[in-house]
Protein backbone atom coordinates (compact mmCIF):
# COMPACT_ATOMS: atom_id res chain seq x y z
CA UNK A 1 35.38 -11.23 -9.37
CA UNK A 2 35.94 -7.77 -7.68
CA UNK A 3 39.45 -6.87 -6.71
CA UNK A 4 38.48 -6.45 -3.04
CA UNK A 5 37.03 -10.05 -2.72
CA UNK A 6 38.60 -12.25 -0.05
CA UNK A 7 36.56 -15.34 -0.96
CA UNK A 8 35.30 -16.76 -4.26
CA UNK A 9 31.56 -16.21 -4.38
CA UNK A 10 31.05 -19.46 -6.28
CA UNK A 11 33.18 -22.06 -4.41
CA UNK A 12 34.01 -20.13 -1.20
CA UNK A 13 37.82 -20.60 -1.44
CA UNK A 14 39.95 -17.81 -0.09
CA UNK A 15 41.34 -15.57 -2.86
CA UNK A 16 44.85 -14.38 -2.33
CA UNK A 17 47.04 -12.47 -4.74
CA UNK A 18 48.77 -14.91 -7.07
CA UNK A 19 46.29 -17.79 -6.32
CA UNK A 20 44.56 -19.10 -9.38
CA UNK A 21 42.04 -21.91 -8.87
CA UNK A 22 40.81 -24.14 -11.63
CA UNK A 23 37.15 -25.14 -11.61
CA UNK A 24 36.48 -28.42 -9.93
CA UNK A 25 35.11 -29.99 -13.21
CA UNK A 26 38.38 -29.27 -15.15
CA UNK A 27 41.07 -31.91 -14.37
CA UNK A 28 44.63 -31.46 -15.66
CA UNK A 29 45.78 -33.82 -18.36
CA UNK A 30 48.68 -36.15 -18.10
CA UNK A 31 50.71 -34.08 -20.48
CA UNK A 32 50.77 -31.08 -18.07
CA UNK A 33 53.89 -28.99 -18.01
CA UNK A 34 56.21 -28.90 -15.04
CA UNK A 35 54.97 -25.42 -13.96
CA UNK A 36 51.42 -26.75 -13.83
CA UNK A 37 52.37 -29.74 -11.62
CA UNK A 38 54.40 -27.41 -9.20
CA UNK A 39 51.35 -25.10 -8.93
CA UNK A 40 49.12 -28.04 -8.17
CA UNK A 41 51.56 -29.43 -5.59
CA UNK A 42 51.72 -26.00 -3.80
CA UNK A 43 47.84 -25.86 -4.03
CA UNK A 44 47.41 -29.33 -2.57
CA UNK A 45 49.47 -28.51 0.45
CA UNK A 46 47.39 -25.44 1.28
CA UNK A 47 45.02 -26.12 4.17
CA UNK A 48 42.06 -24.49 2.40
CA UNK A 49 42.36 -26.91 -0.57
CA UNK A 50 42.54 -30.04 1.68
CA UNK A 51 39.67 -29.41 4.04
CA UNK A 52 36.31 -27.97 3.18
CA UNK A 53 35.30 -24.82 5.00
CA UNK A 54 33.45 -25.69 8.18
CA UNK A 55 29.78 -25.42 7.91
CA UNK A 56 27.62 -24.20 10.79
CA UNK A 57 24.98 -26.65 11.86
CA UNK A 58 21.47 -25.60 11.01
CA UNK A 59 18.96 -25.45 13.88
CA UNK A 60 15.96 -27.70 13.63
CA UNK A 61 13.11 -26.14 11.94
CA UNK A 62 10.24 -24.95 14.17
CA UNK A 63 6.73 -25.69 12.97
CA UNK A 64 4.23 -22.89 12.47
CA UNK A 65 2.00 -24.27 15.13
CA UNK A 66 4.79 -23.38 17.61
CA UNK A 67 5.94 -20.12 15.85
CA UNK A 68 2.61 -18.30 16.11
CA UNK A 69 2.01 -18.97 19.82
CA UNK A 70 5.65 -18.02 20.41
CA UNK A 71 5.06 -14.68 18.82
CA UNK A 72 1.65 -14.21 20.39
CA UNK A 73 3.28 -14.64 23.77
CA UNK A 74 4.91 -11.20 23.24
CA UNK A 75 1.63 -9.31 22.85
CA UNK A 76 1.33 -8.70 26.59
CA UNK A 77 2.06 -10.88 29.66
CA UNK A 78 -1.45 -12.42 29.50
CA UNK A 79 -0.95 -14.62 26.53
CA UNK A 80 2.46 -15.71 27.91
CA UNK A 81 0.75 -16.86 31.16
CA UNK A 82 -1.96 -18.61 29.23
CA UNK A 83 0.71 -20.46 27.13
CA UNK A 84 2.47 -21.56 30.22
CA UNK A 85 -0.65 -23.14 31.78
CA UNK A 86 -2.59 -24.60 28.78
CA UNK A 87 -1.86 -28.28 28.34
CA UNK A 88 -0.77 -28.53 24.72
CA UNK A 89 1.73 -25.67 25.09
CA UNK A 90 3.24 -26.84 28.31
CA UNK A 91 5.28 -29.57 26.46
CA UNK A 92 6.52 -27.30 23.67
CA UNK A 93 9.89 -25.86 24.60
CA UNK A 94 9.88 -23.21 21.97
CA UNK A 95 6.57 -21.70 23.13
CA UNK A 96 7.67 -21.99 26.85
CA UNK A 97 10.94 -20.31 26.09
CA UNK A 98 9.27 -17.34 24.46
CA UNK A 99 6.44 -17.20 27.09
CA UNK A 100 9.08 -17.04 29.94
CA UNK A 101 11.14 -14.46 28.05
CA UNK A 102 7.95 -12.42 27.38
CA UNK A 103 7.10 -12.47 31.05
CA UNK A 104 10.47 -11.13 32.03
CA UNK A 105 10.40 -8.51 29.21
CA UNK A 106 7.03 -7.25 30.40
CA UNK A 107 8.28 -7.21 33.95
CA UNK A 108 11.08 -4.94 32.75
CA UNK A 109 8.61 -2.76 31.00
CA UNK A 110 6.53 -2.50 34.17
CA UNK A 111 9.66 -1.63 36.16
CA UNK A 112 10.66 1.26 33.81
CA UNK A 113 7.05 2.53 33.93
CA UNK A 114 7.05 2.49 37.73
CA UNK A 115 10.45 4.13 37.86
CA UNK A 116 9.09 6.89 35.54
CA UNK A 117 6.06 7.44 37.73
CA UNK A 118 8.31 7.66 40.78
CA UNK A 119 10.69 10.12 39.03
CA UNK A 120 7.78 12.32 37.85
CA UNK A 121 6.34 12.54 41.43
CA UNK A 122 9.60 13.93 42.68
CA UNK A 123 9.76 16.78 40.28
CA UNK A 124 11.89 15.16 37.56
CA UNK A 125 9.00 15.20 35.05
CA UNK A 126 11.08 16.90 32.29
CA UNK A 127 13.84 14.36 32.72
CA UNK A 128 11.37 11.52 32.58
CA UNK A 129 9.76 12.93 29.53
CA UNK A 130 13.15 12.96 27.65
CA UNK A 131 14.47 9.69 28.85
CA UNK A 132 11.08 7.93 29.02
CA UNK A 133 10.38 8.56 25.47
CA UNK A 134 13.75 7.20 24.41
CA UNK A 135 13.26 4.18 26.65
CA UNK A 136 9.74 3.58 25.40
CA UNK A 137 10.98 3.66 21.86
CA UNK A 138 13.77 1.13 22.65
CA UNK A 139 11.20 -1.11 24.33
CA UNK A 140 8.91 -1.04 21.43
CA UNK A 141 11.61 -1.95 18.91
CA UNK A 142 12.82 -4.72 21.33
CA UNK A 143 9.24 -6.02 21.49
CA UNK A 144 8.95 -5.95 17.68
CA UNK A 145 12.35 -7.81 17.32
CA UNK A 146 11.31 -10.43 19.71
CA UNK A 147 7.92 -10.98 17.94
CA UNK A 148 9.58 -11.21 14.54
CA UNK A 149 12.30 -13.59 15.74
CA UNK A 150 9.66 -15.90 17.30
CA UNK A 151 7.77 -15.89 13.98
CA UNK A 152 10.91 -16.75 12.13
CA UNK A 153 11.32 -19.77 14.47
CA UNK A 154 14.47 -18.47 16.12
CA UNK A 155 15.56 -18.94 19.80
CA UNK A 156 16.55 -15.27 20.10
CA UNK A 157 17.66 -14.63 23.72
CA UNK A 158 17.71 -11.20 25.40
CA UNK A 159 20.74 -10.44 27.59
CA UNK A 160 20.21 -11.44 31.22
CA UNK A 161 16.68 -12.76 30.54
CA UNK A 162 17.33 -15.29 27.82
CA UNK A 163 19.33 -17.69 29.89
CA UNK A 164 16.67 -17.66 32.64
CA UNK A 165 13.97 -18.37 30.01
CA UNK A 166 16.07 -21.12 28.44
CA UNK A 167 16.58 -22.75 31.88
CA UNK A 168 12.88 -22.69 32.77
CA UNK A 169 11.80 -23.90 29.31
CA UNK A 170 13.96 -26.98 29.69
CA UNK A 171 15.96 -26.46 26.50
């Protein structure tokens, strides 16, 4: 194990200087020395030896028949609207969540575009060229991230928009 390790890569126990853990399969014999029994007593009173590390609950798996429409909802606002009004997708919370989030995302894209057009009409064209290109790049990568997360079956929430989408999807 590397010297900088804080946890054992095999069992997950914390590694502190002076701690030596025996493998779980090896049990001490009845003829163990007094030092061995003292070490075991100290180890048994440590909280990490008594309770297993908490495991995070896994989210339920999302089927591919929901992942693909969830990702397609981000193409533009049109598929998102379609998925909200077509009967089989109205009852699927995952698809509805991503459709609502997509609508809010594309509303933000439209707002930034209109803001740029307004700024360029008032003589701030150079400022819009600099900031608009950075904003467009950030929006592209956000769109790409949202599409990938939907394909992976994750309920990835954007700040400010995600809780709204979650509320309207009925999650």
